Amino acid sequence: IMGNVPRYRGGALNIYVQMLEMSANGALQKELEQIKHINSRIMQGE
């Protein structure tokens, strides 16, 4: 559900929400990369 668009929006509420969006999307992308690496290891027979 968390937003993910390139444009940085002004305003106090938008700034707070964008901090959450950065944290949420950033953490998710790290997990996606981690699972992608796990899949590559599985494909190699591990």
All heavy atoms as atom14 arrays in JSON, in Angstrom:
{
  "sequence": "IMGNVPRYRGGALNIYVQMLEMSANGALQKELEQIKHINSRIMQGE",
  "atom14_mask": [
    [1, 1, 1, 1, 1, 1, 1, 1, 0, 0, 0, 0, 0, 0],
    [1, 1, 1, 1, 1, 1, 1, 1, 0, 0, 0, 0, 0, 0],
    [1, 1, 1, 1, 0, 0, 0, 0, 0, 0, 0, 0, 0, 0],
    [1, 1, 1, 1, 1, 1, 1, 1, 0, 0, 0, 0, 0, 0],
    [1, 1, 1, 1, 1, 1, 1, 0, 0, 0, 0, 0, 0, 0],
    [1, 1, 1, 1, 1, 1, 1, 0, 0, 0, 0, 0, 0, 0],
    [1, 1, 1, 1, 1, 1, 1, 1, 1, 1, 1, 0, 0, 0],
    [1, 1, 1, 1, 1, 1, 1, 1, 1, 1, 1, 1, 0, 0],
    [1, 1, 1, 1, 1, 1, 1, 1, 1, 1, 1, 0, 0, 0],
    [1, 1, 1, 1, 0, 0, 0, 0, 0, 0, 0, 0, 0, 0],
    [1, 1, 1, 1, 0, 0, 0, 0, 0, 0, 0, 0, 0, 0],
    [1, 1, 1, 1, 1, 0, 0, 0, 0, 0, 0, 0, 0, 0],
    [1, 1, 1, 1, 1, 1, 1, 1, 0, 0, 0, 0, 0, 0],
    [1, 1, 1, 1, 1, 1, 1, 1, 0, 0, 0, 0, 0, 0],
    [1, 1, 1, 1, 1, 1, 1, 1, 0, 0, 0, 0, 0, 0],
    [1, 1, 1, 1, 1, 1, 1, 1, 1, 1, 1, 1, 0, 0],
    [1, 1, 1, 1, 1, 1, 1, 0, 0, 0, 0, 0, 0, 0],
    [1, 1, 1, 1, 1, 1, 1, 1, 1, 0, 0, 0, 0, 0],
    [1, 1, 1, 1, 1, 1, 1, 1, 0, 0, 0, 0, 0, 0],
    [1, 1, 1, 1, 1, 1, 1, 1, 0, 0, 0, 0, 0, 0],
    [1, 1, 1, 1, 1, 1, 1, 1, 1, 0, 0, 0, 0, 0],
    [1, 1, 1, 1, 1, 1, 1, 1, 0, 0, 0, 0, 0, 0],
    [1, 1, 1, 1, 1, 1, 0, 0, 0, 0, 0, 0, 0, 0],
    [1, 1, 1, 1, 1, 0, 0, 0, 0, 0, 0, 0, 0, 0],
    [1, 1, 1, 1, 1, 1, 1, 1, 0, 0, 0, 0, 0, 0],
    [1, 1, 1, 1, 0, 0, 0, 0, 0, 0, 0, 0, 0, 0],
    [1, 1, 1, 1, 1, 0, 0, 0, 0, 0, 0, 0, 0, 0],
    [1, 1, 1, 1, 1, 1, 1, 1, 0, 0, 0, 0, 0, 0],
    [1, 1, 1, 1, 1, 1, 1, 1, 1, 0, 0, 0, 0, 0],
    [1, 1, 1, 1, 1, 1, 1, 1, 1, 0, 0, 0, 0, 0],
    [1, 1, 1, 1, 1, 1, 1, 1, 1, 0, 0, 0, 0, 0],
    [1, 1, 1, 1, 1, 1, 1, 1, 0, 0, 0, 0, 0, 0],
    [1, 1, 1, 1, 1, 1, 1, 1, 1, 0, 0, 0, 0, 0],
    [1, 1, 1, 1, 1, 1, 1, 1, 1, 0, 0, 0, 0, 0],
    [1, 1, 1, 1, 1, 1, 1, 1, 0, 0, 0, 0, 0, 0],
    [1, 1, 1, 1, 1, 1, 1, 1, 1, 0, 0, 0, 0, 0],
    [1, 1, 1, 1, 1, 1, 1, 1, 1, 1, 0, 0, 0, 0],
    [1, 1, 1, 1, 1, 1, 1, 1, 0, 0, 0, 0, 0, 0],
    [1, 1, 1, 1, 1, 1, 1, 1, 0, 0, 0, 0, 0, 0],
    [1, 1, 1, 1, 1, 1, 0, 0, 0, 0, 0, 0, 0, 0],
    [1, 1, 1, 1, 1, 1, 1, 1, 1, 1, 1, 0, 0, 0],
    [1, 1, 1, 1, 1, 1, 1, 1, 0, 0, 0, 0, 0, 0],
    [1, 1, 1, 1, 1, 1, 1, 1, 0, 0, 0, 0, 0, 0],
    [1, 1, 1, 1, 1, 1, 1, 1, 1, 0, 0, 0, 0, 0],
    [1, 1, 1, 1, 0, 0, 0, 0, 0, 0, 0, 0, 0, 0],
    [1, 1, 1, 1, 1, 1, 1, 1, 1, 0, 0, 0, 0, 0]
  ],
  "atom14_positions": [
    [[0.81, -1.21, 0.0], [0.0, 0.0, 0.0], [0.85, 1.27, 0.0], [0.43, 2.3, -0.54], [-0.96, 0.0, 1.22], [-1.98, -1.14, 1.07], [-1.69, 1.33, 1.36], [-2.89, -1.3, 2.25], [0.0, 0.0, 0.0], [0.0, 0.0, 0.0], [0.0, 0.0, 0.0], [0.0, 0.0, 0.0], [0.0, 0.0, 0.0], [0.0, 0.0, 0.0]],
    [[2.03, 1.22, 0.57], [2.86, 2.42, 0.68], [3.2, 2.98, -0.7], [3.57, 2.25, -1.6], [4.14, 2.12, 1.44], [3.92, 1.71, 2.88], [3.1, 2.97, 3.88], [4.38, 4.19, 4.0], [0.0, 0.0, 0.0], [0.0, 0.0, 0.0], [0.0, 0.0, 0.0], [0.0, 0.0, 0.0], [0.0, 0.0, 0.0], [0.0, 0.0, 0.0]],
    [[3.1, 4.3, -0.84], [3.36, 4.95, -2.11], [4.81, 4.83, -2.54], [5.71, 4.7, -1.72], [0.0, 0.0, 0.0], [0.0, 0.0, 0.0], [0.0, 0.0, 0.0], [0.0, 0.0, 0.0], [0.0, 0.0, 0.0], [0.0, 0.0, 0.0], [0.0, 0.0, 0.0], [0.0, 0.0, 0.0], [0.0, 0.0, 0.0], [0.0, 0.0, 0.0]],
    [[5.02, 4.89, -3.85], [6.39, 4.83, -4.39], [6.42, 5.55, -5.74], [6.27, 4.94, -6.79], [6.84, 3.38, -4.55], [8.3, 3.28, -4.97], [8.99, 4.27, -5.11], [8.77, 2.06, -5.16], [0.0, 0.0, 0.0], [0.0, 0.0, 0.0], [0.0, 0.0, 0.0], [0.0, 0.0, 0.0], [0.0, 0.0, 0.0], [0.0, 0.0, 0.0]],
    [[6.57, 6.88, -5.68], [6.68, 7.7, -6.88], [7.94, 8.55, -6.79], [8.44, 8.81, -5.7], [5.44, 8.61, -7.07], [4.2, 7.78, -7.32], [5.24, 9.52, -5.86], [0.0, 0.0, 0.0], [0.0, 0.0, 0.0], [0.0, 0.0, 0.0], [0.0, 0.0, 0.0], [0.0, 0.0, 0.0], [0.0, 0.0, 0.0], [0.0, 0.0, 0.0]],
    [[8.48, 9.0, -7.93], [9.75, 9.74, -7.91], [9.66, 11.15, -7.34], [10.62, 11.65, -6.76], [10.15, 9.81, -9.39], [9.31, 8.81, -10.09], [8.06, 8.69, -9.3], [0.0, 0.0, 0.0], [0.0, 0.0, 0.0], [0.0, 0.0, 0.0], [0.0, 0.0, 0.0], [0.0, 0.0, 0.0], [0.0, 0.0, 0.0], [0.0, 0.0, 0.0]],
    [[8.51, 11.81, -7.51], [8.42, 13.22, -7.14], [8.39, 13.42, -5.63], [7.62, 12.77, -4.92], [7.17, 13.86, -7.76], [7.06, 15.37, -7.52], [5.9, 15.95, -8.31], [4.61, 15.46, -7.84], [3.89, 16.08, -6.89], [4.36, 17.18, -6.31], [2.73, 15.59, -6.52], [0.0, 0.0, 0.0], [0.0, 0.0, 0.0], [0.0, 0.0, 0.0]],
    [[9.24, 14.34, -5.14], [9.27, 14.67, -3.71], [8.26, 15.78, -3.47], [8.31, 16.84, -4.09], [10.66, 15.11, -3.29], [10.82, 15.25, -1.79], [11.11, 14.14, -1.0], [10.69, 16.49, -1.17], [11.26, 14.26, 0.37], [10.83, 16.62, 0.2], [11.12, 15.5, 0.97], [11.25, 15.63, 2.33], [0.0, 0.0, 0.0], [0.0, 0.0, 0.0]],
    [[7.34, 15.55, -2.55], [6.24, 16.48, -2.31], [6.51, 17.33, -1.07], [7.05, 16.84, -0.08], [4.92, 15.72, -2.15], [4.66, 14.75, -3.3], [3.44, 13.9, -3.12], [3.46, 13.06, -1.92], [4.12, 11.92, -1.81], [4.87, 11.49, -2.82], [4.05, 11.21, -0.71], [0.0, 0.0, 0.0], [0.0, 0.0, 0.0], [0.0, 0.0, 0.0]],
    [[6.11, 18.57, -1.13], [6.29, 19.47, -0.01], [5.12, 19.42, 0.96], [4.07, 18.85, 0.68], [0.0, 0.0, 0.0], [0.0, 0.0, 0.0], [0.0, 0.0, 0.0], [0.0, 0.0, 0.0], [0.0, 0.0, 0.0], [0.0, 0.0, 0.0], [0.0, 0.0, 0.0], [0.0, 0.0, 0.0], [0.0, 0.0, 0.0], [0.0, 0.0, 0.0]],
    [[5.28, 20.06, 2.13], [4.25, 20.06, 3.16], [4.6, 19.11, 4.28], [5.16, 18.03, 4.06], [0.0, 0.0, 0.0], [0.0, 0.0, 0.0], [0.0, 0.0, 0.0], [0.0, 0.0, 0.0], [0.0, 0.0, 0.0], [0.0, 0.0, 0.0], [0.0, 0.0, 0.0], [0.0, 0.0, 0.0], [0.0, 0.0, 0.0], [0.0, 0.0, 0.0]],
    [[4.26, 19.5, 5.52], [4.66, 18.73, 6.7], [4.14, 17.29, 6.66], [4.87, 16.34, 6.94], [4.17, 19.43, 7.97], [0.0, 0.0, 0.0], [0.0, 0.0, 0.0], [0.0, 0.0, 0.0], [0.0, 0.0, 0.0], [0.0, 0.0, 0.0], [0.0, 0.0, 0.0], [0.0, 0.0, 0.0], [0.0, 0.0, 0.0], [0.0, 0.0, 0.0]],
    [[2.87, 17.12, 6.29], [2.3, 15.77, 6.26], [2.98, 14.92, 5.19], [3.34, 13.76, 5.45], [0.8, 15.84, 5.98], [0.07, 14.49, 5.87], [0.24, 13.67, 7.15], [-1.42, 14.69, 5.56], [0.0, 0.0, 0.0], [0.0, 0.0, 0.0], [0.0, 0.0, 0.0], [0.0, 0.0, 0.0], [0.0, 0.0, 0.0], [0.0, 0.0, 0.0]],
    [[3.18, 15.49, 4.01], [3.85, 14.75, 2.94], [5.27, 14.36, 3.33], [5.73, 13.25, 3.03], [3.89, 15.58, 1.66], [2.57, 15.55, 0.92], [1.83, 14.58, 0.98], [2.26, 16.64, 0.23], [0.0, 0.0, 0.0], [0.0, 0.0, 0.0], [0.0, 0.0, 0.0], [0.0, 0.0, 0.0], [0.0, 0.0, 0.0], [0.0, 0.0, 0.0]],
    [[5.97, 15.26, 4.01], [7.35, 14.96, 4.42], [7.38, 13.77, 5.39], [8.21, 12.86, 5.26], [8.0, 16.21, 5.05], [8.27, 17.25, 3.96], [9.3, 15.84, 5.76], [8.74, 18.58, 4.48], [0.0, 0.0, 0.0], [0.0, 0.0, 0.0], [0.0, 0.0, 0.0], [0.0, 0.0, 0.0], [0.0, 0.0, 0.0], [0.0, 0.0, 0.0]],
    [[6.45, 13.77, 6.36], [6.4, 12.65, 7.32], [6.06, 11.34, 6.59], [6.7, 10.31, 6.81], [5.35, 12.94, 8.39], [5.33, 11.91, 9.52], [6.22, 12.0, 10.58], [4.44, 10.85, 9.5], [6.22, 11.08, 11.6], [4.42, 9.9, 10.51], [5.32, 10.02, 11.56], [5.31, 9.09, 12.57], [0.0, 0.0, 0.0], [0.0, 0.0, 0.0]],
    [[5.06, 11.4, 5.71], [4.66, 10.2, 4.98], [5.8, 9.7, 4.1], [6.04, 8.5, 3.99], [3.4, 10.49, 4.13], [3.11, 9.33, 3.17], [2.2, 10.73, 5.03], [0.0, 0.0, 0.0], [0.0, 0.0, 0.0], [0.0, 0.0, 0.0], [0.0, 0.0, 0.0], [0.0, 0.0, 0.0], [0.0, 0.0, 0.0], [0.0, 0.0, 0.0]],
    [[6.54, 10.64, 3.49], [7.63, 10.24, 2.61], [8.77, 9.6, 3.37], [9.48, 8.75, 2.84], [8.12, 11.45, 1.81], [7.14, 11.8, 0.69], [7.35, 13.18, 0.08], [6.83, 13.46, -0.98], [8.09, 14.04, 0.73], [0.0, 0.0, 0.0], [0.0, 0.0, 0.0], [0.0, 0.0, 0.0], [0.0, 0.0, 0.0], [0.0, 0.0, 0.0]],
    [[8.97, 9.98, 4.63], [9.97, 9.29, 5.46], [9.56, 7.83, 5.63], [10.4, 6.93, 5.54], [10.11, 9.99, 6.82], [10.82, 11.32, 6.77], [11.27, 11.96, 8.41], [9.66, 12.34, 9.09], [0.0, 0.0, 0.0], [0.0, 0.0, 0.0], [0.0, 0.0, 0.0], [0.0, 0.0, 0.0], [0.0, 0.0, 0.0], [0.0, 0.0, 0.0]],
    [[8.26, 7.61, 5.86], [7.77, 6.24, 5.97], [7.92, 5.49, 4.65], [8.32, 4.32, 4.61], [6.29, 6.25, 6.39], [6.0, 6.34, 7.88], [4.52, 6.61, 8.12], [6.43, 5.06, 8.59], [0.0, 0.0, 0.0], [0.0, 0.0, 0.0], [0.0, 0.0, 0.0], [0.0, 0.0, 0.0], [0.0, 0.0, 0.0], [0.0, 0.0, 0.0]],
    [[7.6, 6.17, 3.55], [7.71, 5.53, 2.24], [9.15, 5.15, 1.93], [9.41, 4.07, 1.38], [7.16, 6.47, 1.17], [5.66, 6.67, 1.23], [5.15, 7.72, 0.27], [5.99, 8.43, -0.34], [3.92, 7.83, 0.13], [0.0, 0.0, 0.0], [0.0, 0.0, 0.0], [0.0, 0.0, 0.0], [0.0, 0.0, 0.0], [0.0, 0.0, 0.0]],
    [[10.1, 6.03, 2.28], [11.51, 5.71, 2.05], [11.94, 4.5, 2.86], [12.6, 3.58, 2.36], [12.39, 6.92, 2.39], [12.32, 8.07, 1.4], [13.51, 9.39, 1.73], [12.88, 10.07, 3.26], [0.0, 0.0, 0.0], [0.0, 0.0, 0.0], [0.0, 0.0, 0.0], [0.0, 0.0, 0.0], [0.0, 0.0, 0.0], [0.0, 0.0, 0.0]],
    [[11.56, 4.5, 4.15], [11.94, 3.38, 5.02], [11.29, 2.08, 4.56], [11.95, 1.04, 4.48], [11.52, 3.69, 6.47], [12.14, 4.85, 6.95], [0.0, 0.0, 0.0], [0.0, 0.0, 0.0], [0.0, 0.0, 0.0], [0.0, 0.0, 0.0], [0.0, 0.0, 0.0], [0.0, 0.0, 0.0], [0.0, 0.0, 0.0], [0.0, 0.0, 0.0]],
    [[9.98, 2.15, 4.28], [9.24, 0.94, 3.93], [9.72, 0.36, 2.6], [10.01, -0.84, 2.5], [7.74, 1.25, 3.86], [0.0, 0.0, 0.0], [0.0, 0.0, 0.0], [0.0, 0.0, 0.0], [0.0, 0.0, 0.0], [0.0, 0.0, 0.0], [0.0, 0.0, 0.0], [0.0, 0.0, 0.0], [0.0, 0.0, 0.0], [0.0, 0.0, 0.0]],
    [[9.8, 1.19, 1.58], [10.23, 0.7, 0.28], [11.7, 0.26, 0.29], [12.07, -0.74, -0.32], [10.02, 1.78, -0.79], [8.57, 1.89, -1.23], [8.06, 1.05, -1.95], [7.9, 2.94, -0.77], [0.0, 0.0, 0.0], [0.0, 0.0, 0.0], [0.0, 0.0, 0.0], [0.0, 0.0, 0.0], [0.0, 0.0, 0.0], [0.0, 0.0, 0.0]],
    [[12.53, 1.01, 1.01], [13.94, 0.64, 1.11], [14.15, -0.71, 1.77], [14.92, -1.54, 1.29], [0.0, 0.0, 0.0], [0.0, 0.0, 0.0], [0.0, 0.0, 0.0], [0.0, 0.0, 0.0], [0.0, 0.0, 0.0], [0.0, 0.0, 0.0], [0.0, 0.0, 0.0], [0.0, 0.0, 0.0], [0.0, 0.0, 0.0], [0.0, 0.0, 0.0]],
    [[13.43, -0.93, 2.89], [13.56, -2.22, 3.59], [13.02, -3.35, 2.74], [13.59, -4.45, 2.71], [12.83, -2.15, 4.93], [0.0, 0.0, 0.0], [0.0, 0.0, 0.0], [0.0, 0.0, 0.0], [0.0, 0.0, 0.0], [0.0, 0.0, 0.0], [0.0, 0.0, 0.0], [0.0, 0.0, 0.0], [0.0, 0.0, 0.0], [0.0, 0.0, 0.0]],
    [[11.9, -3.11, 2.04], [11.33, -4.16, 1.19], [12.3, -4.51, 0.06], [12.5, -5.7, -0.25], [10.0, -3.7, 0.62], [9.33, -4.68, -0.36], [8.99, -5.99, 0.35], [8.09, -4.06, -0.98], [0.0, 0.0, 0.0], [0.0, 0.0, 0.0], [0.0, 0.0, 0.0], [0.0, 0.0, 0.0], [0.0, 0.0, 0.0], [0.0, 0.0, 0.0]],
    [[12.91, -3.5, -0.53], [13.83, -3.78, -1.64], [15.05, -4.58, -1.18], [15.55, -5.43, -1.92], [14.26, -2.46, -2.27], [13.12, -1.8, -3.07], [13.41, -0.37, -3.45], [14.56, 0.06, -3.45], [12.38, 0.39, -3.79], [0.0, 0.0, 0.0], [0.0, 0.0, 0.0], [0.0, 0.0, 0.0], [0.0, 0.0, 0.0], [0.0, 0.0, 0.0]],
    [[15.49, -4.35, 0.06], [16.59, -5.17, 0.59], [16.16, -6.62, 0.72], [16.93, -7.54, 0.41], [17.03, -4.62, 1.95], [17.83, -3.33, 1.87], [18.28, -2.89, 3.25], [19.09, -1.59, 3.19], [19.51, -1.14, 4.53], [0.0, 0.0, 0.0], [0.0, 0.0, 0.0], [0.0, 0.0, 0.0], [0.0, 0.0, 0.0], [0.0, 0.0, 0.0]],
    [[14.92, -6.84, 1.17], [14.43, -8.22, 1.3], [14.22, -8.87, -0.07], [14.48, -10.07, -0.24], [13.14, -8.25, 2.12], [13.36, -7.98, 3.59], [12.33, -8.67, 4.46], [11.14, -8.71, 4.07], [12.72, -9.17, 5.52], [0.0, 0.0, 0.0], [0.0, 0.0, 0.0], [0.0, 0.0, 0.0], [0.0, 0.0, 0.0], [0.0, 0.0, 0.0]],
    [[13.76, -8.09, -1.03], [13.6, -8.64, -2.37], [14.96, -9.09, -2.92], [15.07, -10.17, -3.53], [12.99, -7.59, -3.3], [11.55, -7.16, -3.03], [11.11, -6.1, -4.03], [10.6, -8.35, -3.06], [0.0, 0.0, 0.0], [0.0, 0.0, 0.0], [0.0, 0.0, 0.0], [0.0, 0.0, 0.0], [0.0, 0.0, 0.0], [0.0, 0.0, 0.0]],
    [[15.98, -8.27, -2.7], [17.32, -8.62, -3.15], [17.83, -9.86, -2.42], [18.47, -10.74, -3.02], [18.27, -7.44, -2.91], [19.68, -7.66, -3.41], [19.77, -7.81, -4.92], [18.94, -7.2, -5.62], [20.67, -8.55, -5.39], [0.0, 0.0, 0.0], [0.0, 0.0, 0.0], [0.0, 0.0, 0.0], [0.0, 0.0, 0.0], [0.0, 0.0, 0.0]],
    [[17.53, -9.95, -1.13], [17.96, -11.1, -0.34], [17.31, -12.39, -0.83], [17.98, -13.43, -0.97], [17.61, -10.86, 1.13], [18.24, -11.83, 2.1], [18.01, -11.43, 3.55], [17.44, -10.37, 3.84], [18.44, -12.27, 4.46], [0.0, 0.0, 0.0], [0.0, 0.0, 0.0], [0.0, 0.0, 0.0], [0.0, 0.0, 0.0], [0.0, 0.0, 0.0]],
    [[16.01, -12.35, -1.12], [15.31, -13.54, -1.59], [15.75, -13.9, -3.0], [15.86, -15.07, -3.36], [13.78, -13.34, -1.51], [13.36, -13.11, -0.05], [13.04, -14.56, -2.07], [11.91, -12.72, 0.13], [0.0, 0.0, 0.0], [0.0, 0.0, 0.0], [0.0, 0.0, 0.0], [0.0, 0.0, 0.0], [0.0, 0.0, 0.0], [0.0, 0.0, 0.0]],
    [[16.01, -12.89, -3.81], [16.55, -13.14, -5.15], [17.87, -13.91, -5.06], [18.12, -14.85, -5.83], [16.75, -11.8, -5.88], [17.33, -11.93, -7.28], [17.53, -10.55, -7.89], [18.19, -10.64, -9.26], [18.43, -9.28, -9.83], [0.0, 0.0, 0.0], [0.0, 0.0, 0.0], [0.0, 0.0, 0.0], [0.0, 0.0, 0.0], [0.0, 0.0, 0.0]],
    [[18.72, -13.52, -4.11], [19.99, -14.21, -3.9], [19.76, -15.64, -3.4], [20.45, -16.58, -3.83], [20.84, -13.43, -2.9], [22.17, -14.06, -2.6], [23.15, -14.23, -3.56], [22.67, -14.58, -1.44], [24.19, -14.82, -3.01], [23.93, -15.05, -1.74], [0.0, 0.0, 0.0], [0.0, 0.0, 0.0], [0.0, 0.0, 0.0], [0.0, 0.0, 0.0]],
    [[18.78, -15.81, -2.51], [18.45, -17.16, -2.02], [18.01, -18.04, -3.18], [18.4, -19.21, -3.29], [17.34, -17.07, -0.94], [17.91, -16.48, 0.35], [16.73, -18.44, -0.67], [16.86, -16.18, 1.42], [0.0, 0.0, 0.0], [0.0, 0.0, 0.0], [0.0, 0.0, 0.0], [0.0, 0.0, 0.0], [0.0, 0.0, 0.0], [0.0, 0.0, 0.0]],
    [[17.18, -17.48, -4.07], [16.71, -18.26, -5.22], [17.86, -18.69, -6.13], [17.87, -19.81, -6.66], [15.69, -17.45, -6.03], [14.29, -17.51, -5.43], [14.01, -18.36, -4.6], [13.42, -16.62, -5.86], [0.0, 0.0, 0.0], [0.0, 0.0, 0.0], [0.0, 0.0, 0.0], [0.0, 0.0, 0.0], [0.0, 0.0, 0.0], [0.0, 0.0, 0.0]],
    [[18.84, -17.8, -6.3], [19.99, -18.17, -7.14], [20.79, -19.31, -6.5], [21.29, -20.19, -7.21], [20.88, -16.94, -7.36], [21.52, -16.54, -6.16], [0.0, 0.0, 0.0], [0.0, 0.0, 0.0], [0.0, 0.0, 0.0], [0.0, 0.0, 0.0], [0.0, 0.0, 0.0], [0.0, 0.0, 0.0], [0.0, 0.0, 0.0], [0.0, 0.0, 0.0]],
    [[20.88, -19.31, -5.18], [21.58, -20.4, -4.49], [20.8, -21.71, -4.62], [21.39, -22.79, -4.81], [21.76, -20.05, -3.0], [22.72, -18.9, -2.77], [22.62, -18.36, -1.35], [22.93, -19.39, -0.35], [22.74, -19.22, 0.96], [22.25, -18.08, 1.44], [23.06, -20.2, 1.8], [0.0, 0.0, 0.0], [0.0, 0.0, 0.0], [0.0, 0.0, 0.0]],
    [[19.46, -21.62, -4.54], [18.63, -22.81, -4.69], [18.77, -23.39, -6.09], [18.87, -24.61, -6.28], [17.15, -22.47, -4.4], [16.97, -22.1, -2.91], [16.23, -23.63, -4.76], [15.6, -21.55, -2.56], [0.0, 0.0, 0.0], [0.0, 0.0, 0.0], [0.0, 0.0, 0.0], [0.0, 0.0, 0.0], [0.0, 0.0, 0.0], [0.0, 0.0, 0.0]],
    [[18.82, -22.51, -7.1], [18.95, -22.96, -8.48], [20.28, -23.67, -8.72], [20.41, -24.48, -9.64], [18.82, -21.77, -9.44], [17.43, -21.15, -9.47], [16.15, -22.27, -10.06], [16.59, -22.38, -11.8], [0.0, 0.0, 0.0], [0.0, 0.0, 0.0], [0.0, 0.0, 0.0], [0.0, 0.0, 0.0], [0.0, 0.0, 0.0], [0.0, 0.0, 0.0]],
    [[21.26, -23.39, -7.87], [22.56, -24.03, -7.97], [22.62, -25.33, -7.16], [23.68, -25.93, -7.02], [23.65, -23.08, -7.5], [23.82, -21.85, -8.41], [24.75, -20.81, -7.84], [25.49, -21.08, -6.88], [24.71, -19.61, -8.4], [0.0, 0.0, 0.0], [0.0, 0.0, 0.0], [0.0, 0.0, 0.0], [0.0, 0.0, 0.0], [0.0, 0.0, 0.0]],
    [[21.47, -25.75, -6.61], [21.4, -27.02, -5.91], [21.52, -26.93, -4.41], [21.47, -27.95, -3.72], [0.0, 0.0, 0.0], [0.0, 0.0, 0.0], [0.0, 0.0, 0.0], [0.0, 0.0, 0.0], [0.0, 0.0, 0.0], [0.0, 0.0, 0.0], [0.0, 0.0, 0.0], [0.0, 0.0, 0.0], [0.0, 0.0, 0.0], [0.0, 0.0, 0.0]],
    [[21.63, -25.71, -3.86], [21.78, -25.55, -2.42], [20.4, -25.49, -1.76], [19.44, -24.95, -2.32], [22.55, -24.25, -2.15], [22.9, -24.03, -0.69], [23.69, -22.75, -0.49], [24.15, -22.17, -1.49], [23.83, -22.33, 0.69], [0.0, 0.0, 0.0], [0.0, 0.0, 0.0], [0.0, 0.0, 0.0], [0.0, 0.0, 0.0], [0.0, 0.0, 0.0]]
  ]
}
